[in-house]
Amino acid sequence: MKWFRLLAALVVLVPAIAAQAADWPDKPVRMVVPFGAGATADIMARIVADKLAAAIGQPVVVENRTGAGGNVGAALVARSDPDGYTLLLSGSPTHSVGPHLFKKLNYEPMKDVPPVAMIAAGTNLLVVKPSLPVKSVKDLVALARSKSEQLTYSSAGIGTSGHLAAELLQKASGVVMRHVPFRSGAEAVTAVMSGEVDFMFFTLPALMQQVEAGKLRAIAVTSLTRSRLLPNIPTVAEEGYPGFEALAWYAVFAPRGTPAAITARVGGEIKKILAMPDIEEKMLKLGVEPDYMNAEELTRYIEADSKKWGELIKQAGIAAN
C-alpha cells in the first residue's frame, strides 16, 4: 500500500512540476547576491539580470544578502522554494572555500544550491610596494627566504581569494610570509601603498588605478594564461610554479529541486548573454572574462576547486573567525 500511495503521489506531482516549468516565468525572478552592493559579484549580477530579464520577459531583481563570507545569502537560497523564482549569483566563497573555512554550515552548498551555469572568472594580481626591491615572483620568493618570515602581505580577510593565493604561493615555494588581514580590501590596498605591508594578491579592478599611477608595482597574475587586460604581466606559473592558479569565479545556482527545464532555460539564456559583444566589454572592465560552463561542467570544476582549496586550508590551519 505504501508503494501504491507513493506512485499515486508521483502521478499527481510530475504533471504539476511539468506545468510549473512550462509556465515559467509568470512573475519576477529574484537573483540573490551574498555580497555587498558595488562588489564585483553585485555589478555582474546586475549586468546579467538586465539581459536575462529581456530574454525571459520578466524582471530579474538583484537582492543583496550579506554576511558570513557569503553563507547568509547562500543559505537563504537553499531554503527558498525550488520554483525557479530564486537564483543565487556567487562563486568560490560559498561553494569551494566556505565549506572548508567554517566549522558548521546550516546548508550543504553543492547539494542544496547546485550549479546552473558558470558566468565568468577573473585573475588576481600580485602587487608589491614600490620600495620593495623585487620585480618578479622569483625576486619576491628569494627576498622572503632571506628575511625568514619577516615579509608581510595584506588581504581583505581570512579565507579571501587574496589570502589563499598567498598561502598557495607559500606552499609552492616553501617560504613562510606573515599574513596581515584587514577588514576591507580598500584598507588592505592602502597598507601596501603606504609601505606598512610588503605585498598582496587582489582583484584587478581594485588595483589597476594604483598600478598605473605607480603607487603599486604589478609583478604577476594568478591565472594559468596571461590576462587580456595585462598582457605584459607574466603568470605566477611562468615564474617557476607550473599549475599555479588562483581565480575568482562567478556562477549562477538554484535551490535543490528546481525543475530541470527551468535551470536548462536559465543556463541556455546565460550562454547566449555571454556571447553578446557588449557583455564581454562590460565584464572586461570589471576585470573578469566571460567563461561559460554548463551545470555538469561547472559541477566538475567546483569539485576540483573545492578539493584544492580544502587541502590548502587544512594544511595551513586556516579557519574563519
Protein backbone atom coordinates (compact mmCIF):
# COMPACT_ATOMS: atom_id res chain seq x y z
CA MET A 1 0.00 0.00 0.00
CA LYS A 2 2.88 2.38 0.74
CA TRP A 3 4.28 1.90 -2.76
CA PHE A 4 0.82 2.42 -4.24
CA ARG A 5 0.38 5.71 -2.37
CA LEU A 6 3.86 6.85 -3.43
CA LEU A 7 3.12 6.02 -7.06
CA ALA A 8 -0.19 7.84 -6.87
CA ALA A 9 1.53 10.90 -5.43
CA LEU A 10 4.09 10.88 -8.23
CA VAL A 11 1.34 10.61 -10.84
CA VAL A 12 -0.08 13.85 -9.45
CA LEU A 13 3.25 15.60 -8.78
CA VAL A 14 5.06 15.06 -12.08
CA PRO A 15 2.43 16.77 -14.28
CA ALA A 16 2.25 19.61 -11.75
CA ILE A 17 6.02 20.17 -11.95
CA ALA A 18 5.91 19.98 -15.74
CA ALA A 19 3.13 22.56 -15.84
CA GLN A 20 5.05 24.80 -13.46
CA ALA A 21 8.14 24.67 -15.67
CA ALA A 22 6.08 25.31 -18.81
CA ASP A 23 4.53 28.44 -17.28
CA TRP A 24 7.84 29.81 -16.00
CA PRO A 25 8.25 32.69 -15.59
CA ASP A 26 4.94 34.39 -14.90
CA LYS A 27 6.30 36.77 -12.23
CA PRO A 28 9.62 38.49 -11.33
CA VAL A 29 12.69 36.36 -10.59
CA ARG A 30 14.92 37.13 -7.60
CA MET A 31 18.72 36.89 -8.01
CA VAL A 32 20.38 36.82 -4.59
CA VAL A 33 23.94 38.12 -4.32
CA PRO A 34 25.55 37.17 -0.98
CA PHE A 35 27.96 40.13 -1.12
CA GLY A 36 27.58 43.88 -0.74
CA ALA A 37 26.42 46.45 -3.28
CA GLY A 38 29.26 47.54 -5.53
CA ALA A 39 31.21 44.28 -5.22
CA THR A 40 32.22 42.60 -8.47
CA ALA A 41 29.57 39.90 -8.00
CA ASP A 42 26.92 42.55 -7.43
CA ILE A 43 27.79 44.53 -10.55
CA MET A 44 27.98 41.34 -12.59
CA ALA A 45 24.60 40.20 -11.30
CA ARG A 46 23.01 43.45 -12.42
CA ILE A 47 24.58 43.20 -15.87
CA VAL A 48 23.35 39.62 -16.31
CA ALA A 49 19.97 40.33 -14.70
CA ASP A 50 19.13 43.05 -17.23
CA LYS A 51 19.84 40.75 -20.17
CA LEU A 52 18.13 37.75 -18.58
CA ALA A 53 15.03 39.84 -17.89
CA ALA A 54 14.84 40.84 -21.55
CA ALA A 55 15.20 37.20 -22.61
CA ILE A 56 12.54 35.73 -20.29
CA GLY A 57 10.08 38.60 -20.35
CA GLN A 58 10.01 39.18 -16.59
CA PRO A 59 12.03 41.44 -14.26
CA VAL A 60 15.08 39.87 -12.59
CA VAL A 61 15.57 41.67 -9.28
CA VAL A 62 19.01 41.63 -7.66
CA GLU A 63 18.89 41.32 -3.87
CA ASN A 64 21.99 41.67 -1.67
CA ARG A 65 22.04 39.42 1.40
CA THR A 66 25.45 39.70 3.05
CA GLY A 67 27.15 38.03 5.99
CA ALA A 68 29.41 35.13 6.99
CA GLY A 69 31.52 35.23 3.85
CA GLY A 70 28.51 34.79 1.58
CA ASN A 71 26.90 32.00 3.55
CA VAL A 72 23.91 34.05 4.75
CA GLY A 73 22.75 34.68 1.20
CA ALA A 74 23.50 31.15 0.03
CA ALA A 75 21.57 29.66 2.97
CA LEU A 76 18.61 31.89 2.12
CA VAL A 77 18.53 30.48 -1.40
CA ALA A 78 18.92 26.95 -0.06
CA ARG A 79 15.72 27.45 1.96
CA SER A 80 13.79 29.05 -0.89
CA ASP A 81 11.07 27.31 -2.87
CA PRO A 82 12.59 25.39 -5.82
CA ASP A 83 10.24 27.01 -8.31
CA GLY A 84 12.70 28.91 -10.47
CA TYR A 85 11.93 32.28 -8.93
CA THR A 86 15.02 32.44 -6.71
CA LEU A 87 18.57 32.19 -8.06
CA LEU A 88 21.98 32.74 -6.48
CA LEU A 89 24.93 34.50 -8.07
CA SER A 90 28.02 33.52 -6.13
CA GLY A 91 31.32 31.69 -6.51
CA SER A 92 34.19 30.14 -4.60
CA PRO A 93 33.44 31.79 -1.22
CA THR A 94 30.22 29.79 -0.84
CA HIS A 95 30.93 26.68 -2.91
CA SER A 96 34.69 25.99 -2.91
CA VAL A 97 36.18 27.73 0.10
CA GLY A 98 33.42 28.31 2.66
CA PRO A 99 32.69 24.63 3.34
CA HIS A 100 36.31 24.23 4.49
CA LEU A 101 36.62 27.52 6.38
CA PHE A 102 33.53 27.29 8.54
CA LYS A 103 33.20 24.52 11.10
CA LYS A 104 29.47 24.28 10.58
CA LEU A 105 27.15 25.49 7.84
CA ASN A 106 23.38 25.21 8.02
CA TYR A 107 23.24 24.02 4.41
CA GLU A 108 25.30 21.87 2.04
CA PRO A 109 26.36 24.12 -0.85
CA MET A 110 26.60 21.64 -3.72
CA LYS A 111 23.64 19.60 -2.54
CA ASP A 112 21.24 22.35 -1.51
CA VAL A 113 22.23 25.05 -4.02
CA PRO A 114 23.58 23.17 -7.07
CA PRO A 115 25.15 24.83 -10.11
CA VAL A 116 23.26 26.15 -13.11
CA ALA A 117 25.99 27.84 -15.18
CA MET A 118 29.39 29.50 -14.91
CA ILE A 119 29.42 33.16 -15.93
CA ALA A 120 32.96 34.47 -15.63
CA ALA A 121 36.36 34.14 -14.00
CA GLY A 122 38.98 36.70 -13.09
CA THR A 123 42.61 36.56 -12.10
CA ASN A 124 44.18 38.05 -9.01
CA LEU A 125 47.11 40.41 -9.39
CA LEU A 126 50.27 40.20 -7.31
CA VAL A 127 51.50 43.68 -6.41
CA VAL A 128 54.29 44.95 -4.16
CA LYS A 129 55.01 48.30 -2.55
CA PRO A 130 57.20 50.45 -4.83
CA SER A 131 60.11 50.49 -2.39
CA LEU A 132 60.36 46.69 -2.27
CA PRO A 133 63.42 45.66 -4.38
CA VAL A 134 61.63 42.96 -6.41
CA LYS A 135 60.41 42.85 -10.00
CA SER A 136 59.36 39.22 -10.29
CA VAL A 137 57.92 36.32 -8.31
CA LYS A 138 61.39 34.80 -8.19
CA ASP A 139 62.73 38.01 -6.63
CA LEU A 140 59.88 38.04 -4.10
CA VAL A 141 60.44 34.44 -3.05
CA ALA A 142 64.20 34.97 -2.77
CA LEU A 143 63.68 38.04 -0.60
CA ALA A 144 61.16 36.21 1.59
CA ARG A 145 63.60 33.35 2.05
CA SER A 146 66.39 35.72 3.09
CA LYS A 147 64.18 37.58 5.56
CA SER A 148 63.00 34.47 7.43
CA GLU A 149 59.26 35.08 7.91
CA GLN A 150 59.59 38.86 8.05
CA LEU A 151 57.98 39.66 4.69
CA THR A 152 54.31 40.63 5.09
CA TYR A 153 51.23 40.50 2.89
CA SER A 154 47.80 42.01 3.36
CA SER A 155 44.34 40.72 2.47
CA ALA A 156 40.68 41.68 2.81
CA GLY A 157 40.31 38.99 5.47
CA ILE A 158 40.93 35.38 6.39
CA GLY A 159 39.90 32.97 3.64
CA THR A 160 39.55 35.61 0.92
CA SER A 161 40.96 34.89 -2.52
CA GLY A 162 43.97 37.14 -1.88
CA HIS A 163 44.80 35.38 1.38
CA LEU A 164 44.52 31.94 -0.19
CA ALA A 165 46.60 32.95 -3.22
CA ALA A 166 49.43 33.99 -0.89
CA GLU A 167 49.09 30.74 1.05
CA LEU A 168 49.27 28.84 -2.23
CA LEU A 169 52.50 30.66 -3.15
CA GLN A 170 53.98 29.79 0.23
CA LYS A 171 53.06 26.15 -0.25
CA ALA A 172 54.54 26.10 -3.78
CA SER A 173 57.77 27.92 -2.85
CA GLY A 174 58.36 26.58 0.65
CA VAL A 175 58.86 30.05 2.14
CA VAL A 176 56.88 31.47 5.05
CA MET A 177 55.46 35.02 4.99
CA ARG A 178 53.34 36.84 7.55
CA HIS A 179 49.66 37.48 6.91
CA VAL A 180 48.18 40.85 7.92
CA PRO A 181 44.39 40.69 7.41
CA PHE A 182 42.27 43.85 7.22
CA ARG A 183 38.54 44.46 7.50
CA SER A 184 38.23 45.52 3.87
CA GLY A 185 40.01 45.35 0.55
CA ALA A 186 40.48 49.12 0.48
CA GLU A 187 42.35 49.05 3.79
CA ALA A 188 44.50 46.17 2.60
CA VAL A 189 45.45 48.03 -0.59
CA THR A 190 46.22 51.22 1.33
CA ALA A 191 48.52 49.27 3.65
CA VAL A 192 50.68 48.15 0.72
CA MET A 193 50.73 51.60 -0.90
CA SER A 194 51.82 53.20 2.39
CA GLY A 195 54.59 50.65 2.87
CA GLU A 196 53.04 49.24 6.04
CA VAL A 197 52.80 45.85 4.31
CA ASP A 198 55.08 44.47 1.62
CA PHE A 199 52.74 42.92 -0.95
CA MET A 200 49.32 41.47 -1.66
CA PHE A 201 47.19 39.49 -4.11
CA PHE A 202 43.92 41.16 -5.08
CA THR A 203 41.46 41.58 -7.93
CA LEU A 204 42.41 43.63 -10.98
CA PRO A 205 39.81 46.42 -10.75
CA ALA A 206 40.82 47.26 -7.19
CA LEU A 207 44.49 47.64 -8.15
CA MET A 208 44.72 48.91 -11.72
CA GLN A 209 44.47 52.63 -10.95
CA GLN A 210 47.19 52.43 -8.30
CA VAL A 211 49.43 50.37 -10.60
CA GLU A 212 49.02 52.85 -13.45
CA ALA A 213 49.80 55.71 -11.06
CA GLY A 214 53.00 53.99 -9.91
CA LYS A 215 51.72 53.58 -6.35
CA LEU A 216 51.99 49.80 -6.65
CA ARG A 217 54.18 47.54 -8.80
CA ALA A 218 52.47 44.61 -10.55
CA ILE A 219 54.66 41.55 -10.95
CA ALA A 220 52.35 38.61 -11.79
CA VAL A 221 48.81 37.38 -12.38
CA THR A 222 47.39 34.19 -10.88
CA SER A 223 45.64 32.77 -13.95
CA LEU A 224 47.25 29.96 -15.94
CA THR A 225 47.44 32.21 -19.00
CA ARG A 226 48.18 35.92 -19.19
CA SER A 227 45.30 38.31 -18.72
CA ARG A 228 43.97 40.12 -21.78
CA LEU A 229 43.90 43.22 -19.62
CA LEU A 230 47.60 42.97 -18.68
CA PRO A 231 49.29 41.01 -21.49
CA ASN A 232 52.77 42.15 -20.47
CA ILE A 233 52.50 40.84 -16.91
CA PRO A 234 53.64 37.20 -16.55
CA THR A 235 51.75 34.50 -14.70
CA VAL A 236 52.99 33.00 -11.45
CA ALA A 237 53.10 29.71 -13.34
CA GLU A 238 55.55 31.20 -15.86
CA GLU A 239 57.75 32.34 -12.99
CA GLY A 240 58.61 28.79 -12.00
CA TYR A 241 55.43 27.42 -10.40
CA PRO A 242 53.64 25.33 -13.05
CA GLY A 243 49.93 24.85 -12.45
CA PHE A 244 49.68 27.79 -10.05
CA GLU A 245 46.17 29.21 -10.34
CA ALA A 246 44.02 31.28 -8.01
CA LEU A 247 40.90 32.65 -9.67
CA ALA A 248 37.82 34.49 -8.56
CA TRP A 249 34.96 32.85 -10.47
CA TYR A 250 31.26 33.61 -10.63
CA ALA A 251 28.30 31.39 -11.38
CA VAL A 252 24.54 31.04 -11.07
CA PHE A 253 22.99 28.46 -8.74
CA ALA A 254 19.41 27.43 -7.88
CA PRO A 255 17.73 25.67 -4.94
CA ARG A 256 17.77 21.88 -4.99
CA GLY A 257 14.71 20.53 -6.73
CA THR A 258 14.27 23.39 -9.18
CA PRO A 259 12.78 21.80 -12.33
CA ALA A 260 15.45 20.80 -14.83
CA ALA A 261 13.56 22.52 -17.64
CA ILE A 262 13.86 25.83 -15.80
CA THR A 263 17.56 25.52 -14.93
CA ALA A 264 18.27 24.43 -18.50
CA ARG A 265 16.43 27.51 -19.76
CA VAL A 266 18.38 29.80 -17.44
CA GLY A 267 21.68 28.17 -18.39
CA GLY A 268 20.87 28.44 -22.07
CA GLU A 269 19.99 32.11 -21.78
CA ILE A 270 23.21 32.80 -19.86
CA LYS A 271 25.22 31.16 -22.63
CA LYS A 272 23.57 33.47 -25.17
CA ILE A 273 24.12 36.51 -22.95
CA LEU A 274 27.83 35.80 -22.57
CA ALA A 275 28.23 35.73 -26.34
CA MET A 276 26.99 39.33 -26.65
CA PRO A 277 29.82 41.78 -27.52
CA ASP A 278 28.63 44.44 -25.06
CA ILE A 279 28.62 41.91 -22.22
CA GLU A 280 32.22 40.92 -22.90
CA GLU A 281 33.21 44.59 -22.90
CA LYS A 282 31.43 45.23 -19.59
CA MET A 283 32.98 42.18 -17.95
CA LEU A 284 36.48 43.07 -19.09
CA LYS A 285 36.00 46.46 -17.46
CA LEU A 286 35.17 44.55 -14.27
CA GLY A 287 38.47 42.71 -14.55
CA VAL A 288 36.91 39.35 -15.43
CA GLU A 289 36.40 37.38 -18.62
CA PRO A 290 33.25 35.54 -19.74
CA ASP A 291 33.74 31.82 -19.13
CA TYR A 292 30.58 29.79 -19.72
CA MET A 293 30.21 26.25 -18.35
CA ASN A 294 27.01 24.23 -18.22
CA ALA A 295 25.82 22.62 -14.97
CA GLU A 296 27.70 19.36 -15.50
CA GLU A 297 30.98 21.04 -16.45
CA LEU A 298 30.66 23.50 -13.58
CA THR A 299 29.98 20.73 -11.08
CA ARG A 300 33.23 19.02 -12.05
CA TYR A 301 35.10 22.32 -11.90
CA ILE A 302 33.80 23.16 -8.42
CA GLU A 303 34.58 19.69 -7.10
CA ALA A 304 38.22 20.07 -8.22
CA ASP A 305 38.40 23.67 -6.95
CA SER A 306 36.95 22.66 -3.59
CA LYS A 307 39.41 19.81 -3.21
CA LYS A 308 42.35 22.07 -3.99
CA TRP A 309 41.41 24.80 -1.52
CA GLY A 310 40.23 22.33 1.09
CA GLU A 311 43.62 20.65 1.16
CA LEU A 312 45.39 24.01 1.39
CA ILE A 313 43.12 25.32 4.15
CA LYS A 314 43.61 22.14 6.19
CA GLN A 315 47.37 22.11 5.70
CA ALA A 316 47.70 25.79 6.60
CA GLY A 317 45.32 25.52 9.56
CA ILE A 318 43.09 28.33 8.32
CA ALA A 319 39.70 28.85 9.96
CA ALA A 320 37.10 31.59 9.79
CA ASN A 321 36.66 33.76 12.86
